[in-house]
Amino acid sequence: MGPLPRPDSIFTCVGKGSNGAITELRHGLEARIGLFMDYEQPITQAWPLSSLSFSYDGESSHFLLSFVESSVVIRMSSDEASIEVVDSEDLGLDLIHRTIEVLSQGVVTIQVTEQSIVIIDGVHRYVNTSQHHESPTNTTVVISMILTNY
């Protein structure tokens, strides 16, 4: 894997719950972005997704938002003027369950939810759910950590 590209913009997921937000980091002048998106339920966690994995146009930014009982992916336009929810069938991620942890670097994305582990490597999608194991049906993942050597 070659050197990572230098992005023109860097976005971070800050805050928690109803106080959470996606913020653009800038050097120099203060950024004043007036784009907001309200949800009826609080966002428990948020992660930026790699543009190499999820940006079909090479310009838009994607974020995975985790709620109390489900998840959603949103797309922010390249001009940062609009946000839309992405159709879950286009992504291959588990959006039915609450997401606990995400790693998205280059073409690799790993998502851990309460009921599954999804690995997308740019071409293939691997899913491991609690249904694949001989465990009680009420098994739920509550803590996860993804370690990398990058």
Protein backbone atom coordinates (compact mmCIF):
# COMPACT_ATOMS: atom_id res chain seq x y z
CA MET A 1 0.00 0.00 0.00
CA GLY A 2 1.45 3.34 -1.06
CA PRO A 3 1.41 6.61 0.83
CA LEU A 4 -1.96 7.92 1.91
CA PRO A 5 -3.23 10.87 -0.15
CA ARG A 6 -3.32 14.32 1.47
CA PRO A 7 -6.98 15.30 1.67
CA ASP A 8 -8.16 18.83 0.93
CA SER A 9 -10.58 18.55 3.85
CA ILE A 10 -10.47 16.62 7.11
CA PHE A 11 -13.74 15.84 8.91
CA THR A 12 -14.06 14.57 12.47
CA CYS A 13 -16.95 13.19 14.48
CA VAL A 14 -17.20 15.14 17.75
CA GLY A 15 -19.49 15.25 20.75
CA LYS A 16 -21.93 12.62 21.90
CA GLY A 17 -25.66 11.99 21.66
CA SER A 18 -27.78 15.01 20.89
CA ASN A 19 -24.64 17.21 21.16
CA GLY A 20 -22.74 15.28 18.46
CA ALA A 21 -21.64 16.83 15.19
CA ILE A 22 -19.41 16.33 12.17
CA THR A 23 -16.77 19.07 12.11
CA GLU A 24 -14.33 20.12 9.42
CA LEU A 25 -10.80 20.80 10.64
CA ARG A 26 -9.09 23.78 9.04
CA HIS A 27 -5.80 25.55 9.47
CA GLY A 28 -5.93 29.33 9.66
CA LEU A 29 -9.34 30.94 9.32
CA GLU A 30 -12.19 29.62 11.44
CA ALA A 31 -14.56 27.40 9.50
CA ARG A 32 -18.20 28.43 9.61
CA ILE A 33 -20.24 25.69 8.00
CA GLY A 34 -23.98 26.10 8.32
CA LEU A 35 -25.10 22.60 7.32
CA PHE A 36 -27.17 20.70 9.87
CA MET A 37 -29.19 17.48 9.77
CA ASP A 38 -31.62 16.65 12.57
CA TYR A 39 -32.56 13.12 13.58
CA GLU A 40 -35.45 12.11 15.80
CA GLN A 41 -33.19 9.83 17.82
CA PRO A 42 -29.80 10.64 19.37
CA ILE A 43 -26.62 9.68 17.54
CA THR A 44 -24.51 7.53 19.88
CA GLN A 45 -21.35 7.41 17.72
CA ALA A 46 -20.15 8.54 14.28
CA TRP A 47 -17.26 7.53 12.01
CA PRO A 48 -15.92 8.92 8.73
CA LEU A 49 -15.74 6.27 5.98
CA SER A 50 -12.82 6.02 3.57
CA SER A 51 -13.42 7.78 0.26
CA LEU A 52 -11.60 4.91 -1.48
CA SER A 53 -14.30 2.49 -0.32
CA PHE A 54 -17.49 4.51 -0.44
CA SER A 55 -17.13 7.59 -2.65
CA TYR A 56 -18.39 6.58 -6.07
CA ASP A 57 -17.76 10.03 -7.50
CA GLY A 58 -14.41 10.43 -5.74
CA GLU A 59 -15.55 13.71 -4.24
CA SER A 60 -18.30 13.19 -1.67
CA SER A 61 -17.70 12.29 1.99
CA HIS A 62 -19.48 9.45 3.80
CA PHE A 63 -20.16 9.02 7.52
CA LEU A 64 -21.61 6.08 9.43
CA LEU A 65 -23.90 7.15 12.29
CA SER A 66 -24.88 4.75 15.06
CA PHE A 67 -28.18 5.12 16.88
CA VAL A 68 -29.48 3.22 19.91
CA GLU A 69 -30.99 0.43 17.80
CA SER A 70 -29.72 0.87 14.22
CA SER A 71 -27.17 2.64 11.99
CA VAL A 72 -27.25 4.85 8.90
CA VAL A 73 -24.74 6.13 6.34
CA ILE A 74 -24.97 9.71 5.14
CA ARG A 75 -23.26 11.31 2.13
CA MET A 76 -22.10 14.92 2.15
CA SER A 77 -21.72 16.52 -1.26
CA SER A 78 -18.28 17.68 -2.40
CA ASP A 79 -19.33 21.32 -2.08
CA GLU A 80 -20.55 20.58 1.47
CA ALA A 81 -23.95 22.07 0.60
CA SER A 82 -26.14 18.98 1.09
CA ILE A 83 -26.43 15.78 3.11
CA GLU A 84 -28.45 12.73 2.14
CA VAL A 85 -29.03 9.26 3.57
CA VAL A 86 -27.43 6.52 1.44
CA ASP A 87 -29.49 3.47 0.45
CA SER A 88 -28.25 0.58 2.59
CA GLU A 89 -28.30 -1.92 -0.30
CA ASP A 90 -25.59 0.08 -2.08
CA LEU A 91 -23.12 -0.28 0.79
CA GLY A 92 -23.01 -3.85 2.04
CA LEU A 93 -22.90 -2.70 5.68
CA ASP A 94 -25.16 -3.91 8.50
CA LEU A 95 -27.40 -0.91 9.15
CA ILE A 96 -30.18 -2.88 10.84
CA HIS A 97 -28.21 -3.12 14.11
CA ARG A 98 -26.38 -0.59 16.28
CA THR A 99 -22.75 -0.17 15.16
CA ILE A 100 -20.18 -0.49 17.95
CA GLU A 101 -16.88 0.03 16.08
CA VAL A 102 -15.70 0.91 12.56
CA LEU A 103 -12.30 0.95 10.90
CA SER A 104 -12.21 2.42 7.38
CA GLN A 105 -8.78 2.83 5.77
CA GLY A 106 -8.07 2.73 2.07
CA VAL A 107 -10.31 0.13 0.44
CA VAL A 108 -10.79 -1.86 3.68
CA THR A 109 -13.73 -1.25 5.99
CA ILE A 110 -14.51 -3.30 9.09
CA GLN A 111 -17.81 -2.78 10.89
CA VAL A 112 -18.73 -4.43 14.20
CA THR A 113 -22.40 -4.30 15.20
CA GLU A 114 -24.27 -5.89 18.08
CA GLN A 115 -25.05 -8.89 15.87
CA SER A 116 -22.42 -9.03 13.10
CA ILE A 117 -18.93 -8.32 11.82
CA VAL A 118 -18.72 -7.01 8.25
CA ILE A 119 -15.43 -6.81 6.33
CA ILE A 120 -15.33 -5.09 2.93
CA ASP A 121 -12.01 -5.15 1.07
CA GLY A 122 -13.00 -3.15 -2.00
CA VAL A 123 -14.11 -6.19 -4.00
CA HIS A 124 -15.41 -8.77 -1.53
CA ARG A 125 -17.78 -8.58 1.42
CA TYR A 126 -17.47 -10.96 4.36
CA VAL A 127 -20.19 -11.15 7.03
CA ASN A 128 -20.09 -13.09 10.28
CA THR A 129 -23.30 -12.94 12.30
CA SER A 130 -24.27 -14.42 15.65
CA GLN A 131 -26.54 -16.78 13.67
CA HIS A 132 -23.41 -18.55 12.30
CA HIS A 133 -22.45 -19.77 15.77
CA GLU A 134 -23.95 -22.23 18.20
CA SER A 135 -24.71 -19.53 20.71
CA PRO A 136 -27.95 -18.40 22.32
CA THR A 137 -30.02 -16.13 20.11
CA ASN A 138 -29.82 -13.36 22.71
CA THR A 139 -26.04 -12.96 22.28
CA THR A 140 -25.07 -9.31 21.78
CA VAL A 141 -21.68 -7.64 21.25
CA VAL A 142 -21.29 -4.66 23.60
CA ILE A 143 -17.56 -3.79 23.38
CA SER A 144 -15.19 -3.99 20.43
CA MET A 145 -11.69 -2.84 19.51
CA ILE A 146 -10.01 -3.01 16.11
CA LEU A 147 -6.20 -2.92 16.09
CA THR A 148 -4.16 -2.27 12.96
CA ASN A 149 -0.51 -2.29 11.95
CA TYR A 150 -0.90 0.74 9.66
